[in-house]
Amino acid sequence: MNDQMTREPARDPQNLERLLIIRQWAGDVEGMVALFEPDAIVDSGEGPFTIGHDAIRALYVDGIAKGRKFAKGKQSPAVINGDIALTSTQLPDGSVTAEVARRQSDGTWLWIIDRYSVM
């Protein structure tokens, strides 16, 4: 996998999950972090919220070191209202993720909230 493929920006909020999985499987932590706004919040369900790039980076470094791999699931169509989008995926284990993305000034999308499991 080349760097250009793994570092493409999300031009649609639906692309964020796909890009996150590709980058995680490639071990590209910086590419994963780049899919989030600088002050984004991640709720991994394992303790307090993870807030900001530094903490998100540490979360993903730890996950990759432990051999965790995100599973591809069935993504629901994004619900978009202006510059905000809600994305959601049902994972193979039946859990459901929910994320909020914001359109950036260049037209790309970044997550501002990522919740690993809502069910």
PDB file of N, CA and C in Angstrom:
ATOM      1  N   MET A   1       0.840  -1.169   0.000  1.00  0.00           N
ATOM      2  CA  MET A   1       0.000   0.000   0.000  1.00  0.00           C
ATOM      3  C   MET A   1       0.888   1.236   0.000  1.00  0.00           C
ATOM      4  N   ASN A   2       0.632   2.153  -0.906  1.00  0.00           N
ATOM      5  CA  ASN A   2       1.489   3.330  -0.975  1.00  0.00           C
ATOM      6  C   ASN A   2       0.973   4.448  -0.077  1.00  0.00           C
ATOM      7  N   ASP A   3       1.836   5.400   0.233  1.00  0.00           N
ATOM      8  CA  ASP A   3       1.503   6.486   1.146  1.00  0.00           C
ATOM      9  C   ASP A   3       0.360   7.330   0.610  1.00  0.00           C
ATOM     10  N   GLN A   4       0.310   7.537  -0.690  1.00  0.00           N
ATOM     11  CA  GLN A   4      -0.747   8.351  -1.270  1.00  0.00           C
ATOM     12  C   GLN A   4      -2.107   7.710  -1.029  1.00  0.00           C
ATOM     13  N   MET A   5      -2.195   6.385  -1.167  1.00  0.00           N
ATOM     14  CA  MET A   5      -3.457   5.701  -0.963  1.00  0.00           C
ATOM     15  C   MET A   5      -3.884   5.785   0.496  1.00  0.00           C
ATOM     16  N   THR A   6      -2.970   5.581   1.421  1.00  0.00           N
ATOM     17  CA  THR A   6      -3.336   5.546   2.826  1.00  0.00           C
ATOM     18  C   THR A   6      -3.555   6.925   3.425  1.00  0.00           C
ATOM     19  N   ARG A   7      -3.059   7.956   2.800  1.00  0.00           N
ATOM     20  CA  ARG A   7      -3.200   9.306   3.343  1.00  0.00           C
ATOM     21  C   ARG A   7      -4.170  10.177   2.544  1.00  0.00           C
ATOM     22  N   GLU A   8      -4.990   9.569   1.713  1.00  0.00           N
ATOM     23  CA  GLU A   8      -5.975  10.371   0.997  1.00  0.00           C
ATOM     24  C   GLU A   8      -6.923  11.005   2.004  1.00  0.00           C
ATOM     25  N   PRO A   9      -7.391  12.212   1.746  1.00  0.00           N
ATOM     26  CA  PRO A   9      -8.332  12.848   2.671  1.00  0.00           C
ATOM     27  C   PRO A   9      -9.738  12.274   2.467  1.00  0.00           C
ATOM     28  N   ALA A  10     -10.560  12.419   3.468  1.00  0.00           N
ATOM     29  CA  ALA A  10     -11.953  11.981   3.368  1.00  0.00           C
ATOM     30  C   ALA A  10     -12.758  13.093   2.699  1.00  0.00           C
ATOM     31  N   ARG A  11     -13.154  12.861   1.469  1.00  0.00           N
ATOM     32  CA  ARG A  11     -13.962  13.844   0.730  1.00  0.00           C
ATOM     33  C   ARG A  11     -15.449  13.650   1.003  1.00  0.00           C
ATOM     34  N   ASP A  12     -15.776  12.582   1.702  1.00  0.00           N
ATOM     35  CA  ASP A  12     -17.151  12.254   2.076  1.00  0.00           C
ATOM     36  C   ASP A  12     -17.064  11.674   3.490  1.00  0.00           C
ATOM     37  N   PRO A  13     -17.996  11.997   4.382  1.00  0.00           N
ATOM     38  CA  PRO A  13     -17.898  11.456   5.740  1.00  0.00           C
ATOM     39  C   PRO A  13     -17.936   9.930   5.763  1.00  0.00           C
ATOM     40  N   GLN A  14     -18.548   9.308   4.763  1.00  0.00           N
ATOM     41  CA  GLN A  14     -18.597   7.851   4.679  1.00  0.00           C
ATOM     42  C   GLN A  14     -17.201   7.247   4.528  1.00  0.00           C
ATOM     43  N   ASN A  15     -16.241   8.020   4.033  1.00  0.00           N
ATOM     44  CA  ASN A  15     -14.890   7.504   3.803  1.00  0.00           C
ATOM     45  C   ASN A  15     -14.047   7.416   5.069  1.00  0.00           C
ATOM     46  N   LEU A  16     -14.432   8.099   6.123  1.00  0.00           N
ATOM     47  CA  LEU A  16     -13.598   8.137   7.324  1.00  0.00           C
ATOM     48  C   LEU A  16     -13.353   6.750   7.909  1.00  0.00           C
ATOM     49  N   GLU A  17     -14.401   5.950   8.036  1.00  0.00           N
ATOM     50  CA  GLU A  17     -14.224   4.615   8.619  1.00  0.00           C
ATOM     51  C   GLU A  17     -13.300   3.757   7.757  1.00  0.00           C
ATOM     52  N   ARG A  18     -13.532   3.766   6.456  1.00  0.00           N
ATOM     53  CA  ARG A  18     -12.696   2.972   5.538  1.00  0.00           C
ATOM     54  C   ARG A  18     -11.235   3.369   5.672  1.00  0.00           C
ATOM     55  N   LEU A  19     -10.973   4.672   5.696  1.00  0.00           N
ATOM     56  CA  LEU A  19      -9.601   5.151   5.808  1.00  0.00           C
ATOM     57  C   LEU A  19      -8.988   4.784   7.155  1.00  0.00           C
ATOM     58  N   LEU A  20      -9.789   4.861   8.224  1.00  0.00           N
ATOM     59  CA  LEU A  20      -9.275   4.490   9.542  1.00  0.00           C
ATOM     60  C   LEU A  20      -8.853   3.020   9.568  1.00  0.00           C
ATOM     61  N   ILE A  21      -9.682   2.158   9.022  1.00  0.00           N
ATOM     62  CA  ILE A  21      -9.366   0.724   9.013  1.00  0.00           C
ATOM     63  C   ILE A  21      -8.122   0.447   8.172  1.00  0.00           C
ATOM     64  N   ILE A  22      -8.048   1.037   6.991  1.00  0.00           N
ATOM     65  CA  ILE A  22      -6.876   0.839   6.126  1.00  0.00           C
ATOM     66  C   ILE A  22      -5.606   1.265   6.855  1.00  0.00           C
ATOM     67  N   ARG A  23      -5.667   2.425   7.489  1.00  0.00           N
ATOM     68  CA  ARG A  23      -4.483   2.957   8.165  1.00  0.00           C
ATOM     69  C   ARG A  23      -4.126   2.130   9.402  1.00  0.00           C
ATOM     70  N   GLN A  24      -5.129   1.678  10.139  1.00  0.00           N
ATOM     71  CA  GLN A  24      -4.830   0.851  11.305  1.00  0.00           C
ATOM     72  C   GLN A  24      -4.175  -0.456  10.885  1.00  0.00           C
ATOM     73  N   TRP A  25      -4.722  -1.119   9.882  1.00  0.00           N
ATOM     74  CA  TRP A  25      -4.158  -2.382   9.427  1.00  0.00           C
ATOM     75  C   TRP A  25      -2.746  -2.198   8.889  1.00  0.00           C
ATOM     76  N   ALA A  26      -2.431  -0.989   8.387  1.00  0.00           N
ATOM     77  CA  ALA A  26      -1.080  -0.696   7.891  1.00  0.00           C
ATOM     78  C   ALA A  26      -0.150  -0.232   9.016  1.00  0.00           C
ATOM     79  N   GLY A  27      -0.689  -0.032  10.235  1.00  0.00           N
ATOM     80  CA  GLY A  27       0.126   0.450  11.348  1.00  0.00           C
ATOM     81  C   GLY A  27       0.431   1.935  11.264  1.00  0.00           C
ATOM     82  N   ASP A  28      -0.367   2.681  10.521  1.00  0.00           N
ATOM     83  CA  ASP A  28      -0.142   4.110  10.292  1.00  0.00           C
ATOM     84  C   ASP A  28      -0.891   4.945  11.329  1.00  0.00           C
ATOM     85  N   VAL A  29      -0.321   5.052  12.521  1.00  0.00           N
ATOM     86  CA  VAL A  29      -0.961   5.787  13.605  1.00  0.00           C
ATOM     87  C   VAL A  29      -1.157   7.258  13.240  1.00  0.00           C
ATOM     88  N   GLU A  30      -0.142   7.883  12.652  1.00  0.00           N
ATOM     89  CA  GLU A  30      -0.273   9.307  12.297  1.00  0.00           C
ATOM     90  C   GLU A  30      -1.387   9.518  11.277  1.00  0.00           C
ATOM     91  N   GLY A  31      -1.534   8.581  10.359  1.00  0.00           N
ATOM     92  CA  GLY A  31      -2.626   8.659   9.394  1.00  0.00           C
ATOM     93  C   GLY A  31      -3.981   8.513  10.060  1.00  0.00           C
ATOM     94  N   MET A  32      -4.052   7.679  11.096  1.00  0.00           N
ATOM     95  CA  MET A  32      -5.293   7.521  11.852  1.00  0.00           C
ATOM     96  C   MET A  32      -5.633   8.822  12.576  1.00  0.00           C
ATOM     97  N   VAL A  33      -4.656   9.384  13.255  1.00  0.00           N
ATOM     98  CA  VAL A  33      -4.863  10.623  14.010  1.00  0.00           C
ATOM     99  C   VAL A  33      -5.287  11.751  13.071  1.00  0.00           C
ATOM    100  N   ALA A  34      -4.767  11.752  11.855  1.00  0.00           N
ATOM    101  CA  ALA A  34      -5.077  12.804  10.881  1.00  0.00           C
ATOM    102  C   ALA A  34      -6.541  12.816  10.457  1.00  0.00           C
ATOM    103  N   LEU A  35      -7.310  11.797  10.809  1.00  0.00           N
ATOM    104  CA  LEU A  35      -8.733  11.745  10.475  1.00  0.00           C
ATOM    105  C   LEU A  35      -9.605  12.439  11.517  1.00  0.00           C
ATOM    106  N   PHE A  36      -8.969  13.011  12.536  1.00  0.00           N
ATOM    107  CA  PHE A  36      -9.679  13.673  13.627  1.00  0.00           C
ATOM    108  C   PHE A  36      -9.288  15.144  13.711  1.00  0.00           C
ATOM    109  N   GLU A  37     -10.242  15.982  14.116  1.00  0.00           N
ATOM    110  CA  GLU A  37      -9.907  17.366  14.432  1.00  0.00           C
ATOM    111  C   GLU A  37      -8.991  17.365  15.657  1.00  0.00           C
ATOM    112  N   PRO A  38      -8.186  18.430  15.823  1.00  0.00           N
ATOM    113  CA  PRO A  38      -7.209  18.462  16.926  1.00  0.00           C
ATOM    114  C   PRO A  38      -7.799  18.273  18.320  1.00  0.00           C
ATOM    115  N   ASP A  39      -9.043  18.691  18.544  1.00  0.00           N
ATOM    116  CA  ASP A  39      -9.639  18.563  19.882  1.00  0.00           C
ATOM    117  C   ASP A  39     -10.762  17.515  19.913  1.00  0.00           C
ATOM    118  N   ALA A  40     -10.713  16.557  19.003  1.00  0.00           N
ATOM    119  CA  ALA A  40     -11.736  15.520  18.919  1.00  0.00           C
ATOM    120  C   ALA A  40     -11.780  14.669  20.185  1.00  0.00           C
ATOM    121  N   ILE A  41     -12.918  14.008  20.374  1.00  0.00           N
ATOM    122  CA  ILE A  41     -13.136  13.133  21.529  1.00  0.00           C
ATOM    123  C   ILE A  41     -13.410  11.723  21.035  1.00  0.00           C
ATOM    124  N   VAL A  42     -12.725  10.740  21.648  1.00  0.00           N
ATOM    125  CA  VAL A  42     -12.970   9.332  21.361  1.00  0.00           C
ATOM    126  C   VAL A  42     -13.448   8.673  22.643  1.00  0.00           C
ATOM    127  N   ASP A  43     -14.576   7.958  22.538  1.00  0.00           N
ATOM    128  CA  ASP A  43     -15.085   7.161  23.651  1.00  0.00           C
ATOM    129  C   ASP A  43     -14.894   5.701  23.271  1.00  0.00           C
ATOM    130  N   SER A  44     -13.831   5.097  23.777  1.00  0.00           N
ATOM    131  CA  SER A  44     -13.525   3.704  23.441  1.00  0.00           C
ATOM    132  C   SER A  44     -14.271   2.732  24.341  1.00  0.00           C
ATOM    133  N   GLY A  45     -14.967   3.250  25.341  1.00  0.00           N
ATOM    134  CA  GLY A  45     -15.671   2.392  26.271  1.00  0.00           C
ATOM    135  C   GLY A  45     -14.776   1.785  27.332  1.00  0.00           C
ATOM    136  N   GLU A  46     -13.519   2.181  27.349  1.00  0.00           N
ATOM    137  CA  GLU A  46     -12.547   1.627  28.296  1.00  0.00           C
ATOM    138  C   GLU A  46     -11.991   2.722  29.195  1.00  0.00           C
ATOM    139  N   GLY A  47     -12.867   3.401  29.916  1.00  0.00           N
ATOM    140  CA  GLY A  47     -12.397   4.442  30.820  1.00  0.00           C
ATOM    141  C   GLY A  47     -12.828   5.810  30.367  1.00  0.00           C
ATOM    142  N   PRO A  48     -12.107   6.842  30.826  1.00  0.00           N
ATOM    143  CA  PRO A  48     -12.485   8.215  30.481  1.00  0.00           C
ATOM    144  C   PRO A  48     -12.319   8.492  28.990  1.00  0.00           C
ATOM    145  N   PHE A  49     -12.972   9.540  28.533  1.00  0.00           N
ATOM    146  CA  PHE A  49     -12.863   9.937  27.128  1.00  0.00           C
ATOM    147  C   PHE A  49     -11.413  10.248  26.778  1.00  0.00           C
ATOM    148  N   THR A  50     -11.061  10.002  25.544  1.00  0.00           N
ATOM    149  CA  THR A  50      -9.760  10.325  24.988  1.00  0.00           C
ATOM    150  C   THR A  50      -9.950  11.625  24.214  1.00  0.00           C
ATOM    151  N   ILE A  51      -9.217  12.682  24.594  1.00  0.00           N
ATOM    152  CA  ILE A  51      -9.453  14.006  24.017  1.00  0.00           C
ATOM    153  C   ILE A  51      -8.174  14.563  23.415  1.00  0.00           C
ATOM    154  N   GLY A  52      -8.237  14.943  22.150  1.00  0.00           N
ATOM    155  CA  GLY A  52      -7.125  15.596  21.472  1.00  0.00           C
ATOM    156  C   GLY A  52      -6.173  14.632  20.790  1.00  0.00           C
ATOM    157  N   HIS A  53      -5.427  15.173  19.839  1.00  0.00           N
ATOM    158  CA  HIS A  53      -4.522  14.363  19.028  1.00  0.00           C
ATOM    159  C   HIS A  53      -3.519  13.554  19.842  1.00  0.00           C
ATOM    160  N   ASP A  54      -2.898  14.154  20.849  1.00  0.00           N
ATOM    161  CA  ASP A  54      -1.887  13.422  21.621  1.00  0.00           C
ATOM    162  C   ASP A  54      -2.490  12.194  22.299  1.00  0.00           C
ATOM    163  N   ALA A  55      -3.647  12.362  22.914  1.00  0.00           N
ATOM    164  CA  ALA A  55      -4.293  11.244  23.605  1.00  0.00           C
ATOM    165  C   ALA A  55      -4.813  10.207  22.605  1.00  0.00           C
ATOM    166  N   ILE A  56      -5.345  10.657  21.478  1.00  0.00           N
ATOM    167  CA  ILE A  56      -5.826   9.733  20.446  1.00  0.00           C
ATOM    168  C   ILE A  56      -4.651   8.930  19.892  1.00  0.00           C
ATOM    169  N   ARG A  57      -3.542   9.599  19.662  1.00  0.00           N
ATOM    170  CA  ARG A  57      -2.332   8.916  19.192  1.00  0.00           C
ATOM    171  C   ARG A  57      -1.922   7.821  20.178  1.00  0.00           C
ATOM    172  N   ALA A  58      -1.895   8.149  21.459  1.00  0.00           N
ATOM    173  CA  ALA A  58      -1.507   7.171  22.476  1.00  0.00           C
ATOM    174  C   ALA A  58      -2.485   5.988  22.503  1.00  0.00           C
ATOM    175  N   LEU A  59      -3.765   6.263  22.356  1.00  0.00           N
ATOM    176  CA  LEU A  59      -4.770   5.199  22.312  1.00  0.00           C
ATOM    177  C   LEU A  59      -4.493   4.235  21.158  1.00  0.00           C
ATOM    178  N   TYR A  60      -4.211   4.777  19.977  1.00  0.00           N
ATOM    179  CA  TYR A  60      -3.978   3.930  18.808  1.00  0.00           C
ATOM    180  C   TYR A  60      -2.621   3.227  18.860  1.00  0.00           C
ATOM    181  N   VAL A  61      -1.615   3.884  19.399  1.00  0.00           N
ATOM    182  CA  VAL A  61      -0.314   3.220  19.564  1.00  0.00           C
ATOM    183  C   VAL A  61      -0.495   2.000  20.462  1.00  0.00           C
ATOM    184  N   ASP A  62      -1.217   2.178  21.563  1.00  0.00           N
ATOM    185  CA  ASP A  62      -1.458   1.079  22.493  1.00  0.00           C
ATOM    186  C   ASP A  62      -2.257  -0.040  21.821  1.00  0.00           C
ATOM    187  N   GLY A  63      -3.292   0.317  21.091  1.00  0.00           N
ATOM    188  CA  GLY A  63      -4.107  -0.687  20.420  1.00  0.00           C
ATOM    189  C   GLY A  63      -3.332  -1.494  19.395  1.00  0.00           C
ATOM    190  N   ILE A  64      -2.508  -0.824  18.621  1.00  0.00           N
ATOM    191  CA  ILE A  64      -1.698  -1.520  17.616  1.00  0.00           C
ATOM    192  C   ILE A  64      -0.663  -2.404  18.299  1.00  0.00           C
ATOM    193  N   ALA A  65      -0.058  -1.902  19.377  1.00  0.00           N
ATOM    194  CA  ALA A  65       0.925  -2.703  20.118  1.00  0.00           C
ATOM    195  C   ALA A  65       0.299  -3.977  20.682  1.00  0.00           C
ATOM    196  N   LYS A  66      -0.985  -3.906  21.028  1.00  0.00           N
ATOM    197  CA  LYS A  66      -1.693  -5.072  21.570  1.00  0.00           C
ATOM    198  C   LYS A  66      -2.266  -5.962  20.467  1.00  0.00           C
ATOM    199  N   GLY A  67      -2.049  -5.573  19.199  1.00  0.00           N
ATOM    200  CA  GLY A  67      -2.507  -6.384  18.082  1.00  0.00           C
ATOM    201  C   GLY A  67      -3.980  -6.245  17.753  1.00  0.00           C
ATOM    202  N   ARG A  68      -4.621  -5.211  18.262  1.00  0.00           N
ATOM    203  CA  ARG A  68      -6.041  -5.007  17.955  1.00  0.00           C
ATOM    204  C   ARG A  68      -6.212  -4.596  16.497  1.00  0.00           C
ATOM    205  N   LYS A  69      -7.237  -5.135  15.871  1.00  0.00           N
ATOM    206  CA  LYS A  69      -7.568  -4.778  14.489  1.00  0.00           C
ATOM    207  C   LYS A  69      -9.040  -4.422  14.429  1.00  0.00           C
ATOM    208  N   PHE A  70      -9.347  -3.271  13.841  1.00  0.00           N
ATOM    209  CA  PHE A  70     -10.736  -2.899  13.649  1.00  0.00           C
ATOM    210  C   PHE A  70     -11.356  -3.810  12.600  1.00  0.00           C
ATOM    211  N   ALA A  71     -12.585  -4.212  12.828  1.00  0.00           N
ATOM    212  CA  ALA A  71     -13.307  -5.056  11.881  1.00  0.00           C
ATOM    213  C   ALA A  71     -14.148  -4.185  10.956  1.00  0.00           C
ATOM    214  N   LYS A  72     -14.266  -4.619   9.724  1.00  0.00           N
ATOM    215  CA  LYS A  72     -15.168  -3.940   8.794  1.00  0.00           C
ATOM    216  C   LYS A  72     -16.587  -4.366   9.126  1.00  0.00           C
ATOM    217  N   GLY A  73     -17.484  -3.416   9.070  1.00  0.00           N
ATOM    218  CA  GLY A  73     -18.878  -3.702   9.368  1.00  0.00           C
ATOM    219  C   GLY A  73     -19.788  -3.169   8.277  1.00  0.00           C
ATOM    220  N   LYS A  74     -21.062  -3.131   8.591  1.00  0.00           N
ATOM    221  CA  LYS A  74     -22.061  -2.611   7.651  1.00  0.00           C
ATOM    222  C   LYS A  74     -22.335  -1.160   8.016  1.00  0.00           C
ATOM    223  N   GLN A  75     -21.856  -0.271   7.175  1.00  0.00           N
ATOM    224  CA  GLN A  75     -21.973   1.155   7.442  1.00  0.00           C
ATOM    225  C   GLN A  75     -23.337   1.658   6.988  1.00  0.00           C
ATOM    226  N   SER A  76     -24.006   2.407   7.852  1.00  0.00           N
ATOM    227  CA  SER A  76     -25.258   3.055   7.493  1.00  0.00           C
ATOM    228  C   SER A  76     -24.953   4.322   6.706  1.00  0.00           C
ATOM    229  N   PRO A  77     -25.871   4.757   5.857  1.00  0.00           N
ATOM    230  CA  PRO A  77     -25.638   6.012   5.138  1.00  0.00           C
ATOM    231  C   PRO A  77     -25.468   7.173   6.123  1.00  0.00           C
ATOM    232  N   ALA A  78     -24.541   8.053   5.831  1.00  0.00           N
ATOM    233  CA  ALA A  78     -24.314   9.219   6.687  1.00  0.00           C
ATOM    234  C   ALA A  78     -25.546  10.117   6.674  1.00  0.00           C
ATOM    235  N   VAL A  79     -25.838  10.695   7.836  1.00  0.00           N
ATOM    236  CA  VAL A  79     -26.880  11.700   7.958  1.00  0.00           C
ATOM    237  C   VAL A  79     -26.160  13.039   8.003  1.00  0.00           C
ATOM    238  N   ILE A  80     -26.350  13.849   6.969  1.00  0.00           N
ATOM    239  CA  ILE A  80     -25.606  15.104   6.840  1.00  0.00           C
ATOM    240  C   ILE A  80     -26.551  16.283   6.993  1.00  0.00           C
ATOM    241  N   ASN A  81     -26.157  17.232   7.832  1.00  0.00           N
ATOM    242  CA  ASN A  81     -26.893  18.470   8.016  1.00  0.00           C
ATOM    243  C   ASN A  81     -25.883  19.600   7.920  1.00  0.00           C
ATOM    244  N   GLY A  82     -25.812  20.233   6.763  1.00  0.00           N
ATOM    245  CA  GLY A  82     -24.840  21.298   6.543  1.00  0.00           C
ATOM    246  C   GLY A  82     -23.423  20.763   6.625  1.00  0.00           C
ATOM    247  N   ASP A  83     -22.666  21.249   7.578  1.00  0.00           N
ATOM    248  CA  ASP A  83     -21.266  20.850   7.721  1.00  0.00           C
ATOM    249  C   ASP A  83     -21.044  19.791   8.805  1.00  0.00           C
ATOM    250  N   ILE A  84     -22.120  19.186   9.294  1.00  0.00           N
ATOM    251  CA  ILE A  84     -22.029  18.148  10.327  1.00  0.00           C
ATOM    252  C   ILE A  84     -22.629  16.852   9.773  1.00  0.00           C
ATOM    253  N   ALA A  85     -21.992  15.738  10.094  1.00  0.00           N
ATOM    254  CA  ALA A  85     -22.492  14.442   9.637  1.00  0.00           C
ATOM    255  C   ALA A  85     -22.435  13.430  10.774  1.00  0.00           C
ATOM    256  N   LEU A  86     -23.438  12.566  10.820  1.00  0.00           N
ATOM    257  CA  LEU A  86     -23.461  11.444  11.749  1.00  0.00           C
ATOM    258  C   LEU A  86     -23.219  10.182  10.937  1.00  0.00           C
ATOM    259  N   THR A  87     -22.196   9.420  11.323  1.00  0.00           N
ATOM    260  CA  THR A  87     -21.915   8.151  10.669  1.00  0.00           C
ATOM    261  C   THR A  87     -22.079   7.046  11.700  1.00  0.00           C
ATOM    262  N   SER A  88     -22.382   5.846  11.208  1.00  0.00           N
ATOM    263  CA  SER A  88     -22.631   4.729  12.106  1.00  0.00           C
ATOM    264  C   SER A  88     -22.364   3.425  11.375  1.00  0.00           C
ATOM    265  N   THR A  89     -21.859   2.441  12.122  1.00  0.00           N
ATOM    266  CA  THR A  89     -21.534   1.141  11.549  1.00  0.00           C
ATOM    267  C   THR A  89     -21.950   0.034  12.509  1.00  0.00           C
ATOM    268  N   GLN A  90     -22.585  -1.008  11.963  1.00  0.00           N
ATOM    269  CA  GLN A  90     -22.851  -2.206  12.752  1.00  0.00           C
ATOM    270  C   GLN A  90     -21.706  -3.165  12.503  1.00  0.00           C
ATOM    271  N   LEU A  91     -21.011  -3.529  13.565  1.00  0.00           N
ATOM    272  CA  LEU A  91     -19.849  -4.400  13.474  1.00  0.00           C
ATOM    273  C   LEU A  91     -20.267  -5.873  13.479  1.00  0.00           C
ATOM    274  N   PRO A  92     -19.388  -6.761  13.030  1.00  0.00           N
ATOM    275  CA  PRO A  92     -19.729  -8.182  12.974  1.00  0.00           C
ATOM    276  C   PRO A  92     -20.200  -8.771  14.310  1.00  0.00           C
ATOM    277  N   ASP A  93     -19.742  -8.209  15.438  1.00  0.00           N
ATOM    278  CA  ASP A  93     -20.160  -8.733  16.745  1.00  0.00           C
ATOM    279  C   ASP A  93     -21.508  -8.186  17.196  1.00  0.00           C
ATOM    280  N   GLY A  94     -22.146  -7.360  16.352  1.00  0.00           N
ATOM    281  CA  GLY A  94     -23.449  -6.792  16.666  1.00  0.00           C
ATOM    282  C   GLY A  94     -23.400  -5.425  17.306  1.00  0.00           C
ATOM    283  N   SER A  95     -22.233  -4.985  17.754  1.00  0.00           N
ATOM    284  CA  SER A  95     -22.123  -3.654  18.345  1.00  0.00           C
ATOM    285  C   SER A  95     -22.251  -2.597  17.239  1.00  0.00           C
ATOM    286  N   VAL A  96     -22.606  -1.399  17.660  1.00  0.00           N
ATOM    287  CA  VAL A  96     -22.824  -0.301  16.716  1.00  0.00           C
ATOM    288  C   VAL A  96     -21.961   0.878  17.134  1.00  0.00           C
ATOM    289  N   THR A  97     -21.227   1.443  16.175  1.00  0.00           N
ATOM    290  CA  THR A  97     -20.437   2.641  16.432  1.00  0.00           C
ATOM    291  C   THR A  97     -21.231   3.869  15.999  1.00  0.00           C
ATOM    292  N   ALA A  98     -20.857   5.012  16.530  1.00  0.00           N
ATOM    293  CA  ALA A  98     -21.458   6.278  16.114  1.00  0.00           C
ATOM    294  C   ALA A  98     -20.367   7.337  16.120  1.00  0.00           C
ATOM    295  N   GLU A  99     -20.329   8.139  15.071  1.00  0.00           N
ATOM    296  CA  GLU A  99     -19.320   9.182  14.950  1.00  0.00           C
ATOM    297  C   GLU A  99     -19.966  10.456  14.423  1.00  0.00           C
ATOM    298  N   VAL A 100     -19.397  11.569  14.822  1.00  0.00           N
ATOM    299  CA  VAL A 100     -19.808  12.869  14.299  1.00  0.00           C
ATOM    300  C   VAL A 100     -18.610  13.462  13.571  1.00  0.00           C
ATOM    301  N   ALA A 101     -18.847  13.884  12.337  1.00  0.00           N
ATOM    302  CA  ALA A 101     -17.787  14.490  11.521  1.00  0.00           C
ATOM    303  C   ALA A 101     -18.178  15.922  11.172  1.00  0.00           C
ATOM    304  N   ARG A 102     -17.141  16.722  10.883  1.00  0.00           N
ATOM    305  CA  ARG A 102     -17.388  18.104  10.466  1.00  0.00           C
ATOM    306  C   ARG A 102     -16.656  18.355   9.157  1.00  0.00           C
ATOM    307  N   ARG A 103     -17.351  19.030   8.235  1.00  0.00           N
ATOM    308  CA  ARG A 103     -16.729  19.426   6.968  1.00  0.00           C
ATOM    309  C   ARG A 103     -15.734  20.548   7.247  1.00  0.00           C
ATOM    310  N   GLN A 104     -14.539  20.392   6.708  1.00  0.00           N
ATOM    311  CA  GLN A 104     -13.474  21.380   6.877  1.00  0.00           C
ATOM    312  C   GLN A 104     -13.567  22.443   5.778  1.00  0.00           C
ATOM    313  N   SER A 105     -12.837  23.521   5.932  1.00  0.00           N
ATOM    314  CA  SER A 105     -12.905  24.626   4.965  1.00  0.00           C
ATOM    315  C   SER A 105     -12.473  24.211   3.559  1.00  0.00           C
ATOM    316  N   ASP A 106     -11.669  23.132   3.450  1.00  0.00           N
ATOM    317  CA  ASP A 106     -11.242  22.657   2.125  1.00  0.00           C
ATOM    318  C   ASP A 106     -12.188  21.609   1.540  1.00  0.00           C
ATOM    319  N   GLY A 107     -13.310  21.350   2.235  1.00  0.00           N
ATOM    320  CA  GLY A 107     -14.302  20.399   1.746  1.00  0.00           C
ATOM    321  C   GLY A 107     -14.102  18.971   2.235  1.00  0.00           C
ATOM    322  N   THR A 108     -12.996  18.687   2.905  1.00  0.00           N
ATOM    323  CA  THR A 108     -12.774  17.353   3.446  1.00  0.00           C
ATOM    324  C   THR A 108     -13.519  17.212   4.780  1.00  0.00           C
ATOM    325  N   TRP A 109     -13.555  16.004   5.293  1.00  0.00           N
ATOM    326  CA  TRP A 109     -14.265  15.724   6.538  1.00  0.00           C
ATOM    327  C   TRP A 109     -13.312  15.147   7.578  1.00  0.00           C
ATOM    328  N   LEU A 110     -13.508  15.547   8.841  1.00  0.00           N
ATOM    329  CA  LEU A 110     -12.760  14.992   9.969  1.00  0.00           C
ATOM    330  C   LEU A 110     -13.751  14.675  11.084  1.00  0.00           C
ATOM    331  N   TRP A 111     -13.441  13.633  11.840  1.00  0.00           N
ATOM    332  CA  TRP A 111     -14.275  13.307  12.988  1.00  0.00           C
ATOM    333  C   TRP A 111     -14.026  14.288  14.124  1.00  0.00           C
ATOM    334  N   ILE A 112     -15.107  14.598  14.842  1.00  0.00           N
ATOM    335  CA  ILE A 112     -14.998  15.392  16.062  1.00  0.00           C
ATOM    336  C   ILE A 112     -15.396  14.558  17.281  1.00  0.00           C
ATOM    337  N   ILE A 113     -16.206  13.524  17.066  1.00  0.00           N
ATOM    338  CA  ILE A 113     -16.587  12.585  18.125  1.00  0.00           C
ATOM    339  C   ILE A 113     -16.597  11.187  17.521  1.00  0.00           C
ATOM    340  N   ASP A 114     -16.020  10.247  18.242  1.00  0.00           N
ATOM    341  CA  ASP A 114     -16.014   8.834  17.828  1.00  0.00           C
ATOM    342  C   ASP A 114     -16.373   7.995  19.043  1.00  0.00           C
ATOM    343  N   ARG A 115     -17.492   7.306  18.953  1.00  0.00           N
ATOM    344  CA  ARG A 115     -17.918   6.421  20.057  1.00  0.00           C
ATOM    345  C   ARG A 115     -17.900   5.000  19.526  1.00  0.00           C
ATOM    346  N   TYR A 116     -17.036   4.168  20.105  1.00  0.00           N
ATOM    347  CA  TYR A 116     -16.828   2.808  19.622  1.00  0.00           C
ATOM    348  C   TYR A 116     -18.083   1.945  19.680  1.00  0.00           C
ATOM    349  N   SER A 117     -18.909   2.129  20.702  1.00  0.00           N
ATOM    350  CA  SER A 117     -20.078   1.267  20.823  1.00  0.00           C
ATOM    351  C   SER A 117     -21.206   2.027  21.509  1.00  0.00           C
ATOM    352  N   VAL A 118     -22.358   2.049  20.860  1.00  0.00           N
ATOM    353  CA  VAL A 118     -23.519   2.696  21.447  1.00  0.00           C
ATOM    354  C   VAL A 118     -24.535   1.665  21.903  1.00  0.00           C
ATOM    355  N   MET A 119     -24.283   0.406  21.624  1.00  0.00           N
ATOM    356  CA  MET A 119     -25.201  -0.671  22.032  1.00  0.00           C
ATOM    357  C   MET A 119     -24.423  -1.803  22.660  1.00  0.00           C
TER     358      MET A 119
END
